[in-house]
């Protein structure tokens, strides 16, 4: 919103009737006192009301180059935050899978490139050994 206000000002007649843009991120939020102080343009919403903040890609010609450059620091920090969020989500999913494997006493299947294996016979041998190792682990656990 700040980029649009910087570009078009407070006069609603100066704002375009319609703008097309690419949606970058949606954030589902509830109104709190902290959010009300941070996002002043939403202070008319009642406390505890739910809303969605949509981050969009605003580039020239919608906003002038000088305004875009002025906000480039904020834009890059938001981009970094989004990448970190995705990375954390991947780590969390990987940890959940690993915890599930441990809970079920499963041995993680090693990742082997098919280029490392010479033929289908080697693949069969490799898979057989994997099954055999799993059976040994089960037998050892039962003993």
C-alpha atoms as a PDB file:
ATOM      1  CA  UNK A   1       0.000   0.000   0.000  1.00  0.00           C
ATOM      2  CA  UNK A   2       2.843   2.348   0.787  1.00  0.00           C
ATOM      3  CA  UNK A   3       4.118   2.159  -2.794  1.00  0.00           C
ATOM      4  CA  UNK A   4       0.659   3.015  -4.125  1.00  0.00           C
ATOM      5  CA  UNK A   5       0.224   5.897  -1.680  1.00  0.00           C
ATOM      6  CA  UNK A   6       3.658   7.197  -2.600  1.00  0.00           C
ATOM      7  CA  UNK A   7       2.726   7.004  -6.279  1.00  0.00           C
ATOM      8  CA  UNK A   8      -0.867   8.271  -6.271  1.00  0.00           C
ATOM      9  CA  UNK A   9      -1.161  10.258  -3.037  1.00  0.00           C
ATOM     10  CA  UNK A  10      -4.159  10.594  -0.712  1.00  0.00           C
ATOM     11  CA  UNK A  11      -6.583  11.760  -3.397  1.00  0.00           C
ATOM     12  CA  UNK A  12      -8.780   8.807  -4.389  1.00  0.00           C
ATOM     13  CA  UNK A  13      -9.459  10.420  -7.790  1.00  0.00           C
ATOM     14  CA  UNK A  14      -5.776  10.012  -8.701  1.00  0.00           C
ATOM     15  CA  UNK A  15      -5.787   6.267  -8.097  1.00  0.00           C
ATOM     16  CA  UNK A  16      -6.393   3.958 -11.085  1.00  0.00           C
ATOM     17  CA  UNK A  17      -9.786   2.276 -11.347  1.00  0.00           C
ATOM     18  CA  UNK A  18      -8.198  -1.114 -11.970  1.00  0.00           C
ATOM     19  CA  UNK A  19      -4.687  -2.517 -11.596  1.00  0.00           C
ATOM     20  CA  UNK A  20      -3.464  -5.937 -12.707  1.00  0.00           C
ATOM     21  CA  UNK A  21      -0.716  -7.596 -10.734  1.00  0.00           C
ATOM     22  CA  UNK A  22       0.762 -10.940  -9.746  1.00  0.00           C
ATOM     23  CA  UNK A  23      -0.086 -12.260  -6.261  1.00  0.00           C
ATOM     24  CA  UNK A  24       3.098 -13.197  -4.403  1.00  0.00           C
ATOM     25  CA  UNK A  25       1.822 -14.261  -0.980  1.00  0.00           C
ATOM     26  CA  UNK A  26      -1.353 -14.479   1.077  1.00  0.00           C
ATOM     27  CA  UNK A  27      -1.227 -14.130   4.844  1.00  0.00           C
ATOM     28  CA  UNK A  28      -4.296 -14.984   6.920  1.00  0.00           C
ATOM     29  CA  UNK A  29      -4.505 -12.787  10.018  1.00  0.00           C
ATOM     30  CA  UNK A  30      -6.758 -11.675  12.858  1.00  0.00           C
ATOM     31  CA  UNK A  31      -7.045  -8.100  14.050  1.00  0.00           C
ATOM     32  CA  UNK A  32      -5.238  -7.407  17.301  1.00  0.00           C
ATOM     33  CA  UNK A  33      -4.006  -4.205  18.936  1.00  0.00           C
ATOM     34  CA  UNK A  34      -0.499  -4.875  17.619  1.00  0.00           C
ATOM     35  CA  UNK A  35      -1.733  -5.423  14.063  1.00  0.00           C
ATOM     36  CA  UNK A  36      -3.909  -2.326  14.316  1.00  0.00           C
ATOM     37  CA  UNK A  37      -0.868  -0.214  15.246  1.00  0.00           C
ATOM     38  CA  UNK A  38       1.286  -1.743  12.505  1.00  0.00           C
ATOM     39  CA  UNK A  39      -1.300  -1.669   9.696  1.00  0.00           C
ATOM     40  CA  UNK A  40      -3.022   1.665  10.183  1.00  0.00           C
ATOM     41  CA  UNK A  41      -5.015   1.409   6.959  1.00  0.00           C
ATOM     42  CA  UNK A  42      -6.923  -1.536   8.503  1.00  0.00           C
ATOM     43  CA  UNK A  43      -7.674   0.054  11.874  1.00  0.00           C
ATOM     44  CA  UNK A  44     -11.372   0.344  10.955  1.00  0.00           C
ATOM     45  CA  UNK A  45     -11.722  -3.452  11.278  1.00  0.00           C
ATOM     46  CA  UNK A  46     -13.083  -4.720  14.618  1.00  0.00           C
ATOM     47  CA  UNK A  47     -10.774  -6.572  16.992  1.00  0.00           C
ATOM     48  CA  UNK A  48     -10.599 -10.355  16.424  1.00  0.00           C
ATOM     49  CA  UNK A  49     -11.940 -10.019  12.868  1.00  0.00           C
ATOM     50  CA  UNK A  50     -10.188 -12.181  10.284  1.00  0.00           C
ATOM     51  CA  UNK A  51      -8.716 -10.852   7.058  1.00  0.00           C
ATOM     52  CA  UNK A  52      -6.205 -11.738   4.383  1.00  0.00           C
ATOM     53  CA  UNK A  53      -3.185  -9.628   3.499  1.00  0.00           C
ATOM     54  CA  UNK A  54      -2.177 -10.135  -0.100  1.00  0.00           C
ATOM     55  CA  UNK A  55       1.316  -9.153  -1.184  1.00  0.00           C
ATOM     56  CA  UNK A  56       1.435  -8.306  -4.859  1.00  0.00           C
ATOM     57  CA  UNK A  57       4.192  -7.584  -7.307  1.00  0.00           C
ATOM     58  CA  UNK A  58       4.075  -3.908  -8.219  1.00  0.00           C
ATOM     59  CA  UNK A  59       6.608  -2.976 -10.857  1.00  0.00           C
ATOM     60  CA  UNK A  60       6.820  -0.220 -13.435  1.00  0.00           C
ATOM     61  CA  UNK A  61       4.656   0.959 -15.221  1.00  0.00           C
ATOM     62  CA  UNK A  62       2.152   0.676 -12.309  1.00  0.00           C
ATOM     63  CA  UNK A  63       4.593   2.475 -10.014  1.00  0.00           C
ATOM     64  CA  UNK A  64       7.400   4.716 -11.258  1.00  0.00           C
ATOM     65  CA  UNK A  65      10.985   3.413 -11.200  1.00  0.00           C
ATOM     66  CA  UNK A  66      12.045   5.908  -8.524  1.00  0.00           C
ATOM     67  CA  UNK A  67       9.293   4.684  -6.157  1.00  0.00           C
ATOM     68  CA  UNK A  68      10.205   1.064  -6.917  1.00  0.00           C
ATOM     69  CA  UNK A  69      13.870   1.789  -6.120  1.00  0.00           C
ATOM     70  CA  UNK A  70      12.875   3.557  -2.893  1.00  0.00           C
ATOM     71  CA  UNK A  71      11.129   0.395  -1.671  1.00  0.00           C
ATOM     72  CA  UNK A  72      13.660  -2.098  -3.067  1.00  0.00           C
ATOM     73  CA  UNK A  73      15.193  -2.704   0.382  1.00  0.00           C
ATOM     74  CA  UNK A  74      11.829  -3.656   1.881  1.00  0.00           C
ATOM     75  CA  UNK A  75      10.995  -5.791  -1.139  1.00  0.00           C
ATOM     76  CA  UNK A  76      14.260  -7.716  -0.915  1.00  0.00           C
ATOM     77  CA  UNK A  77      13.825  -8.309   2.840  1.00  0.00           C
ATOM     78  CA  UNK A  78      10.321  -9.669   2.207  1.00  0.00           C
ATOM     79  CA  UNK A  79      11.720 -11.931  -0.521  1.00  0.00           C
ATOM     80  CA  UNK A  80      14.372 -13.191   1.909  1.00  0.00           C
ATOM     81  CA  UNK A  81      11.717 -13.813   4.579  1.00  0.00           C
ATOM     82  CA  UNK A  82       9.623 -15.829   2.101  1.00  0.00           C
ATOM     83  CA  UNK A  83      12.645 -17.972   1.122  1.00  0.00           C
ATOM     84  CA  UNK A  84      13.479 -18.583   4.800  1.00  0.00           C
ATOM     85  CA  UNK A  85       9.874 -19.539   5.482  1.00  0.00           C
ATOM     86  CA  UNK A  86       9.925 -22.099   2.652  1.00  0.00           C
ATOM     87  CA  UNK A  87      13.261 -23.462   3.879  1.00  0.00           C
ATOM     88  CA  UNK A  88      11.958 -23.821   7.435  1.00  0.00           C
ATOM     89  CA  UNK A  89       8.842 -25.578   6.157  1.00  0.00           C
ATOM     90  CA  UNK A  90      10.964 -28.066   4.195  1.00  0.00           C
ATOM     91  CA  UNK A  91      13.130 -28.739   7.261  1.00  0.00           C
ATOM     92  CA  UNK A  92      10.017 -29.248   9.391  1.00  0.00           C
ATOM     93  CA  UNK A  93       8.547 -31.703   6.858  1.00  0.00           C
ATOM     94  CA  UNK A  94      11.842 -33.595   6.628  1.00  0.00           C
ATOM     95  CA  UNK A  95      12.040 -33.833  10.427  1.00  0.00           C
ATOM     96  CA  UNK A  96       8.436 -35.068  10.614  1.00  0.00           C
ATOM     97  CA  UNK A  97       9.189 -37.798   8.060  1.00  0.00           C
ATOM     98  CA  UNK A  98      12.325 -38.811   9.945  1.00  0.00           C
ATOM     99  CA  UNK A  99      10.422 -38.906  13.248  1.00  0.00           C
ATOM    100  CA  UNK A 100       7.741 -41.063  11.604  1.00  0.00           C
ATOM    101  CA  UNK A 101      10.394 -43.448  10.297  1.00  0.00           C
ATOM    102  CA  UNK A 102      11.918 -43.721  13.768  1.00  0.00           C
ATOM    103  CA  UNK A 103       8.511 -44.254  15.335  1.00  0.00           C
ATOM    104  CA  UNK A 104       7.792 -47.111  12.931  1.00  0.00           C
ATOM    105  CA  UNK A 105      11.356 -48.468  13.179  1.00  0.00           C
ATOM    106  CA  UNK A 106      11.890 -48.082   9.453  1.00  0.00           C
ATOM    107  CA  UNK A 107      15.334 -47.937   7.955  1.00  0.00           C
ATOM    108  CA  UNK A 108      15.679 -45.024   5.529  1.00  0.00           C
ATOM    109  CA  UNK A 109      16.154 -46.266   2.012  1.00  0.00           C
ATOM    110  CA  UNK A 110      19.515 -44.999   0.748  1.00  0.00           C
ATOM    111  CA  UNK A 111      19.488 -42.768  -2.289  1.00  0.00           C
ATOM    112  CA  UNK A 112      21.396 -44.389  -5.131  1.00  0.00           C
ATOM    113  CA  UNK A 113      21.783 -42.935  -8.583  1.00  0.00           C
ATOM    114  CA  UNK A 114      20.874 -45.423 -11.291  1.00  0.00           C
ATOM    115  CA  UNK A 115      24.031 -44.343 -13.101  1.00  0.00           C
ATOM    116  CA  UNK A 116      25.985 -45.904 -10.213  1.00  0.00           C
ATOM    117  CA  UNK A 117      24.427 -49.289 -10.882  1.00  0.00           C
ATOM    118  CA  UNK A 118      25.750 -51.213 -13.882  1.00  0.00           C
ATOM    119  CA  UNK A 119      22.731 -53.287 -14.842  1.00  0.00           C
ATOM    120  CA  UNK A 120      19.328 -54.524 -13.779  1.00  0.00           C
ATOM    121  CA  UNK A 121      21.050 -57.449 -12.057  1.00  0.00           C
ATOM    122  CA  UNK A 122      22.872 -55.009  -9.812  1.00  0.00           C
ATOM    123  CA  UNK A 123      19.603 -53.224  -9.068  1.00  0.00           C
ATOM    124  CA  UNK A 124      17.943 -56.512  -8.144  1.00  0.00           C
ATOM    125  CA  UNK A 125      20.922 -57.472  -5.966  1.00  0.00           C
ATOM    126  CA  UNK A 126      20.854 -54.088  -4.269  1.00  0.00           C
ATOM    127  CA  UNK A 127      17.118 -54.305  -3.562  1.00  0.00           C
ATOM    128  CA  UNK A 128      17.499 -57.865  -2.291  1.00  0.00           C
ATOM    129  CA  UNK A 129      20.233 -56.780   0.120  1.00  0.00           C
ATOM    130  CA  UNK A 130      18.057 -53.929   1.355  1.00  0.00           C
ATOM    131  CA  UNK A 131      15.160 -56.304   2.074  1.00  0.00           C
ATOM    132  CA  UNK A 132      17.536 -58.792   3.707  1.00  0.00           C
ATOM    133  CA  UNK A 133      18.974 -56.078   5.976  1.00  0.00           C
ATOM    134  CA  UNK A 134      15.495 -55.001   6.995  1.00  0.00           C
ATOM    135  CA  UNK A 135      14.555 -58.588   7.839  1.00  0.00           C
ATOM    136  CA  UNK A 136      17.715 -58.925   9.960  1.00  0.00           C
ATOM    137  CA  UNK A 137      16.824 -55.755  11.849  1.00  0.00           C
ATOM    138  CA  UNK A 138      13.310 -57.077  12.468  1.00  0.00           C
ATOM    139  CA  UNK A 139      14.680 -60.429  13.651  1.00  0.00           C
ATOM    140  CA  UNK A 140      17.151 -58.704  15.943  1.00  0.00           C
ATOM    141  CA  UNK A 141      14.368 -56.548  17.380  1.00  0.00           C
ATOM    142  CA  UNK A 142      12.229 -59.636  18.040  1.00  0.00           C
ATOM    143  CA  UNK A 143      15.068 -61.542  19.718  1.00  0.00           C
END
